[in-house]
Structures are given as C-alpha cells and as structure tokens.
C-alpha cells in the first residue's frame, strides 16, 4: 500500500466517482481505477459499493478511510516540516475557526504568515458546530483551531490569545442605542436573530438569556454572523455576537451588554507543531483581542464620551 493509493481512495470517497476523482487529482481515470483495485486486493476487502448514484464507501471502507485521512495529513505535515528551511516552506496549513471568533484578527495574521511563507497554502474552515470541529480535530485534519476555550489538551495544546466581549446589535433608531451598555433585562420583549441550534454561538445566547431569566423569541436563524448583524440592523430583530464579528459600517448599532459577557479565545495547536503553526500562533498573539471600549467608537449622538470597560 502507498500514500498515493490512500489519496486516490479519499478522492473517490469525496467525489463519488472515479471519473470525478481523476479530474480533481488531474490524473488519468484508468490510473485511479487501477490503484483502487490494487488497494482493495491488498486489503482483501471491498472499499466501495457501486450504486446507481455513484461509489459509496462500505462499512470497511469508512473505517479504512478514517485512518487513511490521518496518514495522508501526517505525511503532508512531515513534508512541509522537512522543507521548512525558511521561505521555502511549502504545503497546506488547515485552520478551523469557531464561528464569530477572530473575524478581524485572523486576516491580519494570515497576511503576515503569507509574507513569511509565500509558497504556503492555507485552508480555513468556519465551523459553527462544535461536533464537526471535534470530528476534524480527531481525524487529524486540523493544524490549528481558534475556539472559545478550553480545548482538549490530549489532542491539542491550548494557547490563550485574549478575551472576546459579546455585544448586542440593534436597529437604527432603537431607543437602547442611547445607553452606553444595554441591560439584558431591557431586551425581554425583543425578537432575536439567532444561529443554528447546534452552534456554539447560539449556545452562548441561550445560556446568557437563561441566566438572566429571559426566554428568546426567535424571528430568524442564519448561518453567518455578518448576516445576523445586517438583518438586525434592518430591524428584523436584535442579535448577539462577538465584538470582532461586527462588519465595518455597523459599529454605531452595537452596544455591550450588562452584565458583561465575554469568552476566552484559545488557539488550539497540535503538540510538536511545525514552523507554519508556530508562526501563525505568534502572529495571532500580536493581534488585538479587545473588549468593547477598545474597539468601537459610536457616533456622538448615541455614544458617551467616556470609555466603558
């Protein structure tokens, strides 16, 4: 068996056919078919079932593919580490971000990383679902993840980057914009623009409102923080997001809440991290992980001149 066969099998599983896998890999179709047949012969099992809609992994195939993915990712990291003389570092760095965190900080850190390692490719997953984030981590797919701490120290080492304060987003003209901070109890009758029920972000909202004796009335659910902010700005309902997730141009509609809500932001890095992960971690540390008063300046008509911390 070879890593190439592993890569071909993973491509077939992802694409659902040998033809599509060959196109994705930019190789001839007979080569993929031959490698898959040879792999099945060596293993003594059938990895894929042939169905009218395409190739589907068998039970044995699914078990094999889980470990094959780990092996391929480990080989990729080993190649990248071996080439890491300096600017010669090449390969792919896979990063996952818990939805809403690092929205303003990650682009700057990635730009700095790109300048240091111009041949490095970076893939970023925005994963709102903690279960999916854990699946990627346990599958050996991720090199670094940005998440609300803590992380599973058995899989990754956690590095505290800072604290992210949560803010409420209101429509233009909302009476609560006159306040420096919005008391959560004053939002009792408001409809909410929320997120997927399985997401960590929606879990924060539910927990915060429950602790303050409030039951949210849901008017809509969205999958992106920027969408939630824009919908709230248009008066559909209020929403609750990390401060850095507020898109530029909407800062005047944002207020911190009372009591204040914040979460630690953690970079989860694989033990024995290579130069790319180490460099990205350092660049993330250099970014500003701020609370509300350090970030937003509201228009004079709605903001107090004194900072709120």
Protein backbone atom coordinates (compact mmCIF):
# COMPACT_ATOMS: atom_id res chain seq x y z
CA UNK A 1 0.00 0.00 0.00
CA UNK A 2 1.11 3.57 -0.67
CA UNK A 3 0.09 7.08 0.31
CA UNK A 4 -0.88 7.69 -3.30
CA UNK A 5 -3.44 4.89 -3.06
CA UNK A 6 -4.74 6.47 0.17
CA UNK A 7 -5.08 9.83 -1.59
CA UNK A 8 -6.90 8.24 -4.52
CA UNK A 9 -9.33 6.42 -2.21
CA UNK A 10 -10.05 9.63 -0.28
CA UNK A 11 -10.67 11.48 -3.54
CA UNK A 12 -13.09 8.80 -4.77
CA UNK A 13 -14.96 8.94 -1.46
CA UNK A 14 -15.23 12.72 -1.65
CA UNK A 15 -16.17 12.96 -5.33
CA UNK A 16 -18.38 9.88 -5.51
CA UNK A 17 -16.90 8.50 -8.72
CA UNK A 18 -13.59 7.50 -10.26
CA UNK A 19 -14.07 9.95 -13.12
CA UNK A 20 -14.62 12.93 -10.84
CA UNK A 21 -11.76 11.86 -8.58
CA UNK A 22 -9.40 11.63 -11.56
CA UNK A 23 -10.40 15.14 -12.65
CA UNK A 24 -9.85 16.52 -9.15
CA UNK A 25 -6.45 14.81 -8.92
CA UNK A 26 -5.57 15.74 -12.52
CA UNK A 27 -4.63 12.18 -13.42
CA UNK A 28 -5.96 9.67 -15.92
CA UNK A 29 -9.09 7.75 -14.94
CA UNK A 30 -7.55 4.29 -15.57
CA UNK A 31 -4.77 5.14 -13.12
CA UNK A 32 -7.29 5.83 -10.34
CA UNK A 33 -9.26 2.66 -11.11
CA UNK A 34 -6.10 0.57 -11.10
CA UNK A 35 -4.90 2.00 -7.80
CA UNK A 36 -8.27 1.42 -6.11
CA UNK A 37 -8.44 -2.17 -7.36
CA UNK A 38 -4.89 -2.81 -6.18
CA UNK A 39 -5.65 -1.34 -2.78
CA UNK A 40 -8.76 -3.49 -2.37
CA UNK A 41 -6.77 -6.55 -3.43
CA UNK A 42 -4.02 -5.81 -0.89
CA UNK A 43 -6.54 -5.22 1.88
CA UNK A 44 -8.75 -8.15 0.97
CA UNK A 45 -11.92 -6.08 1.34
CA UNK A 46 -14.20 -4.04 -0.89
CA UNK A 47 -13.84 -0.34 -0.07
CA UNK A 48 -16.67 0.99 -2.24
CA UNK A 49 -20.13 -0.17 -3.21
CA UNK A 50 -21.15 0.54 -6.80
CA UNK A 51 -24.62 2.18 -6.73
CA UNK A 52 -26.71 3.90 -9.44
CA UNK A 53 -25.72 7.29 -8.00
CA UNK A 54 -22.01 6.56 -7.71
CA UNK A 55 -19.42 4.94 -5.46
CA UNK A 56 -20.26 4.79 -1.75
CA UNK A 57 -17.80 3.61 0.94
CA UNK A 58 -18.65 0.28 2.54
CA UNK A 59 -18.52 -0.25 6.30
CA UNK A 60 -14.94 -1.49 5.96
CA UNK A 61 -14.23 1.36 3.58
CA UNK A 62 -15.39 4.01 6.04
CA UNK A 63 -13.18 2.56 8.75
CA UNK A 64 -10.20 2.46 6.39
CA UNK A 65 -10.77 5.99 5.09
CA UNK A 66 -10.73 7.48 8.61
CA UNK A 67 -7.21 6.17 9.20
CA UNK A 68 -6.14 6.90 5.61
CA UNK A 69 -7.06 10.57 6.12
CA UNK A 70 -4.92 10.72 9.25
CA UNK A 71 -1.99 9.12 7.43
CA UNK A 72 -2.22 11.48 4.45
CA UNK A 73 -2.42 14.54 6.69
CA UNK A 74 0.55 13.35 8.75
CA UNK A 75 2.58 12.86 5.58
CA UNK A 76 1.63 16.34 4.38
CA UNK A 77 2.80 17.89 7.64
CA UNK A 78 6.02 15.87 7.56
CA UNK A 79 6.79 17.09 4.03
CA UNK A 80 6.11 20.70 5.00
CA UNK A 81 8.31 20.47 8.09
CA UNK A 82 11.15 18.91 6.13
CA UNK A 83 11.07 21.76 3.61
CA UNK A 84 10.91 24.47 6.26
CA UNK A 85 14.32 25.98 5.75
CA UNK A 86 12.83 29.50 5.71
CA UNK A 87 10.81 31.00 2.92
CA UNK A 88 10.95 27.59 1.21
CA UNK A 89 8.18 26.22 3.44
CA UNK A 90 5.51 24.74 1.18
CA UNK A 91 2.39 22.69 1.66
CA UNK A 92 -1.06 23.25 3.12
CA UNK A 93 -1.97 24.61 6.55
CA UNK A 94 -5.51 23.74 7.68
CA UNK A 95 -7.15 26.13 10.15
CA UNK A 96 -10.62 25.95 11.72
CA UNK A 97 -12.36 28.89 13.36
CA UNK A 98 -15.33 28.70 15.67
CA UNK A 99 -17.94 30.95 14.08
CA UNK A 100 -17.71 34.60 15.09
CA UNK A 101 -14.24 34.44 16.65
CA UNK A 102 -11.17 36.06 15.13
CA UNK A 103 -13.10 37.73 12.32
CA UNK A 104 -10.94 40.85 12.45
CA UNK A 105 -7.76 39.27 13.78
CA UNK A 106 -7.29 36.22 11.55
CA UNK A 107 -6.93 38.07 8.19
CA UNK A 108 -4.04 40.16 9.51
CA UNK A 109 -2.29 37.14 10.99
CA UNK A 110 -2.72 35.16 7.75
CA UNK A 111 -1.38 38.07 5.70
CA UNK A 112 1.74 38.16 7.87
CA UNK A 113 2.09 34.39 7.53
CA UNK A 114 1.78 34.66 3.76
CA UNK A 115 4.54 37.25 3.63
CA UNK A 116 6.85 34.97 5.62
CA UNK A 117 5.98 31.80 3.71
CA UNK A 118 4.77 32.84 0.24
CA UNK A 119 4.52 29.24 -1.03
CA UNK A 120 2.32 28.07 1.83
CA UNK A 121 -1.35 27.38 1.09
CA UNK A 122 -3.91 27.96 3.84
CA UNK A 123 -7.37 26.39 4.04
CA UNK A 124 -9.78 27.87 6.60
CA UNK A 125 -12.94 26.16 7.85
CA UNK A 126 -15.53 28.32 9.59
CA UNK A 127 -17.20 25.70 11.76
CA UNK A 128 -20.22 26.78 13.79
CA UNK A 129 -20.84 23.25 15.05
CA UNK A 130 -18.57 22.07 17.90
CA UNK A 131 -19.25 18.45 16.99
CA UNK A 132 -17.90 18.99 13.47
CA UNK A 133 -14.92 20.88 14.87
CA UNK A 134 -14.13 17.92 17.13
CA UNK A 135 -14.54 15.47 14.25
CA UNK A 136 -12.00 17.38 12.16
CA UNK A 137 -9.59 17.52 15.10
CA UNK A 138 -9.84 13.83 15.94
CA UNK A 139 -9.46 12.97 12.26
CA UNK A 140 -6.06 14.66 12.23
CA UNK A 141 -7.25 17.20 9.67
CA UNK A 142 -6.58 20.42 11.61
CA UNK A 143 -3.24 22.09 12.23
CA UNK A 144 -4.66 24.96 14.30
CA UNK A 145 -8.10 25.96 15.55
CA UNK A 146 -9.41 29.20 17.05
CA UNK A 147 -12.09 28.47 19.58
CA UNK A 148 -13.66 29.53 22.85
CA UNK A 149 -11.55 27.76 25.47
CA UNK A 150 -10.73 25.37 26.87
CA UNK A 151 -9.57 22.78 24.33
CA UNK A 152 -8.93 19.06 24.67
CA UNK A 153 -5.32 19.10 25.84
CA UNK A 154 -4.92 15.46 24.87
CA UNK A 155 -5.25 16.32 21.19
CA UNK A 156 -4.02 19.90 21.06
CA UNK A 157 -2.19 22.40 23.24
CA UNK A 158 -4.28 25.44 24.16
CA UNK A 159 -2.81 28.97 23.96
CA UNK A 160 -4.86 31.84 25.37
CA UNK A 161 -4.95 34.70 22.85
CA UNK A 162 -7.23 37.11 24.71
CA UNK A 163 -10.86 37.69 25.59
CA UNK A 164 -13.69 38.50 23.22
CA UNK A 165 -16.61 40.55 24.52
CA UNK A 166 -20.09 39.89 23.17
CA UNK A 167 -22.29 42.74 22.01
CA UNK A 168 -25.90 43.25 21.04
CA UNK A 169 -26.75 44.66 17.61
CA UNK A 170 -29.78 46.95 17.34
CA UNK A 171 -31.66 48.62 14.51
CA UNK A 172 -31.04 52.27 13.69
CA UNK A 173 -33.19 54.45 15.92
CA UNK A 174 -33.60 51.80 18.62
CA UNK A 175 -34.11 53.54 21.98
CA UNK A 176 -31.44 51.38 23.67
CA UNK A 177 -28.75 53.00 21.49
CA UNK A 178 -28.88 55.96 23.85
CA UNK A 179 -27.25 53.80 26.55
CA UNK A 180 -23.54 53.05 26.93
CA UNK A 181 -24.45 49.49 27.87
CA UNK A 182 -27.72 47.68 27.32
CA UNK A 183 -29.18 45.83 30.28
CA UNK A 184 -30.23 42.39 29.13
CA UNK A 185 -33.50 42.71 31.05
CA UNK A 186 -34.41 45.64 28.78
CA UNK A 187 -34.43 43.26 25.80
CA UNK A 188 -37.08 40.99 27.28
CA UNK A 189 -39.67 41.77 24.59
CA UNK A 190 -37.28 41.79 21.64
CA UNK A 191 -37.34 39.16 18.87
CA UNK A 192 -33.94 37.58 18.18
CA UNK A 193 -31.98 36.75 15.06
CA UNK A 194 -30.26 33.53 16.08
CA UNK A 195 -27.91 30.85 14.74
CA UNK A 196 -28.01 27.11 14.13
CA UNK A 197 -29.21 25.39 17.34
CA UNK A 198 -26.12 23.14 17.33
CA UNK A 199 -23.68 26.06 17.08
CA UNK A 200 -21.56 27.26 19.98
CA UNK A 201 -22.63 30.83 19.22
CA UNK A 202 -26.32 30.07 19.70
CA UNK A 203 -25.43 28.16 22.85
CA UNK A 204 -23.86 31.30 24.31
CA UNK A 205 -27.01 33.32 23.61
CA UNK A 206 -29.33 30.73 25.15
CA UNK A 207 -27.16 30.39 28.26
CA UNK A 208 -26.82 34.15 28.77
CA UNK A 209 -30.54 34.81 28.39
CA UNK A 210 -31.43 31.89 30.65
CA UNK A 211 -29.07 33.17 33.36
CA UNK A 212 -30.90 36.50 33.19
CA UNK A 213 -34.34 34.95 33.31
CA UNK A 214 -35.18 35.58 29.65
CA UNK A 215 -36.63 33.25 27.03
CA UNK A 216 -35.75 34.35 23.47
CA UNK A 217 -38.44 34.75 20.83
CA UNK A 218 -36.80 33.62 17.61
CA UNK A 219 -37.68 35.53 14.45
CA UNK A 220 -35.00 34.00 12.19
CA UNK A 221 -31.95 31.73 12.17
CA UNK A 222 -28.89 32.36 10.00
CA UNK A 223 -25.56 30.63 9.39
CA UNK A 224 -23.23 33.66 9.31
CA UNK A 225 -22.57 36.39 11.87
CA UNK A 226 -22.40 39.09 9.18
CA UNK A 227 -25.89 38.13 8.01
CA UNK A 228 -27.24 38.28 11.57
CA UNK A 229 -25.76 41.75 12.06
CA UNK A 230 -27.20 43.08 8.80
CA UNK A 231 -30.64 41.65 9.50
CA UNK A 232 -30.62 43.16 12.97
CA UNK A 233 -29.54 46.50 11.50
CA UNK A 234 -32.62 46.41 9.24
CA UNK A 235 -34.93 45.93 12.21
CA UNK A 236 -35.79 42.24 11.86
CA UNK A 237 -34.73 41.61 15.46
CA UNK A 238 -31.75 42.01 17.76
CA UNK A 239 -28.74 39.69 17.68
CA UNK A 240 -25.79 38.83 19.92
CA UNK A 241 -22.29 38.31 18.51
CA UNK A 242 -18.60 38.61 19.44
CA UNK A 243 -17.41 42.21 19.03
CA UNK A 244 -14.91 41.41 16.31
CA UNK A 245 -17.63 39.77 14.19
CA UNK A 246 -19.40 43.09 13.56
CA UNK A 247 -18.78 44.14 9.93
CA UNK A 248 -17.36 47.63 9.31
CA UNK A 249 -20.06 50.25 8.96
CA UNK A 250 -22.30 48.75 11.67
CA UNK A 251 -20.32 49.80 14.76
CA UNK A 252 -22.78 52.59 15.63
CA UNK A 253 -25.54 49.97 16.06
CA UNK A 254 -23.54 47.93 18.57
CA UNK A 255 -23.64 48.08 22.35
CA UNK A 256 -22.04 45.91 25.05
CA UNK A 257 -24.47 44.34 27.49
CA UNK A 258 -24.90 44.46 31.24
CA UNK A 259 -23.93 42.25 32.90
CA UNK A 260 -20.91 41.99 30.58
CA UNK A 261 -20.41 38.77 28.62
CA UNK A 262 -17.02 37.65 27.34
CA UNK A 263 -15.23 34.44 26.39
CA UNK A 264 -11.56 33.46 26.34
CA UNK A 265 -10.25 32.93 22.81
CA UNK A 266 -7.88 29.97 22.53
CA UNK A 267 -5.61 28.80 19.74
CA UNK A 268 -5.54 25.01 19.78
CA UNK A 269 -2.27 23.83 18.23
CA UNK A 270 -1.13 20.29 17.63
CA UNK A 271 1.67 19.15 20.00
CA UNK A 272 5.03 19.31 18.26
CA UNK A 273 3.75 22.00 15.91
CA UNK A 274 5.75 22.80 12.79
CA UNK A 275 7.06 26.20 11.71
CA UNK A 276 3.84 27.27 9.97
CA UNK A 277 1.61 26.65 13.01
CA UNK A 278 4.17 28.24 15.32
CA UNK A 279 4.43 31.34 13.12
CA UNK A 280 0.65 31.72 12.82
CA UNK A 281 0.28 31.40 16.59
CA UNK A 282 2.82 34.18 17.09
CA UNK A 283 1.04 36.45 14.59
CA UNK A 284 -2.28 35.78 16.30
CA UNK A 285 -0.74 36.78 19.63
CA UNK A 286 0.29 40.10 18.08
CA UNK A 287 -3.28 40.90 17.07
CA UNK A 288 -5.55 42.93 19.37
CA UNK A 289 -8.05 40.80 21.24
CA UNK A 290 -10.16 43.51 22.73
CA UNK A 291 -13.12 44.44 24.78
CA UNK A 292 -15.77 46.81 23.53
CA UNK A 293 -14.29 50.12 24.66
CA UNK A 294 -11.03 49.43 22.86
CA UNK A 295 -12.76 48.68 19.57
CA UNK A 296 -15.77 50.77 18.69
CA UNK A 297 -16.44 54.48 18.51
CA UNK A 298 -20.13 55.21 18.12
CA UNK A 299 -21.48 58.46 16.62
CA UNK A 300 -21.59 61.41 19.05
CA UNK A 301 -25.39 61.42 19.07
CA UNK A 302 -25.57 57.94 20.61
CA UNK A 303 -22.30 57.43 22.45
CA UNK A 304 -20.96 58.66 25.74
CA UNK A 305 -17.63 60.49 25.56
CA UNK A 306 -16.26 58.36 28.38
CA UNK A 307 -14.99 54.87 27.53
CA UNK A 308 -16.84 51.94 29.01
CA UNK A 309 -14.86 48.95 30.27
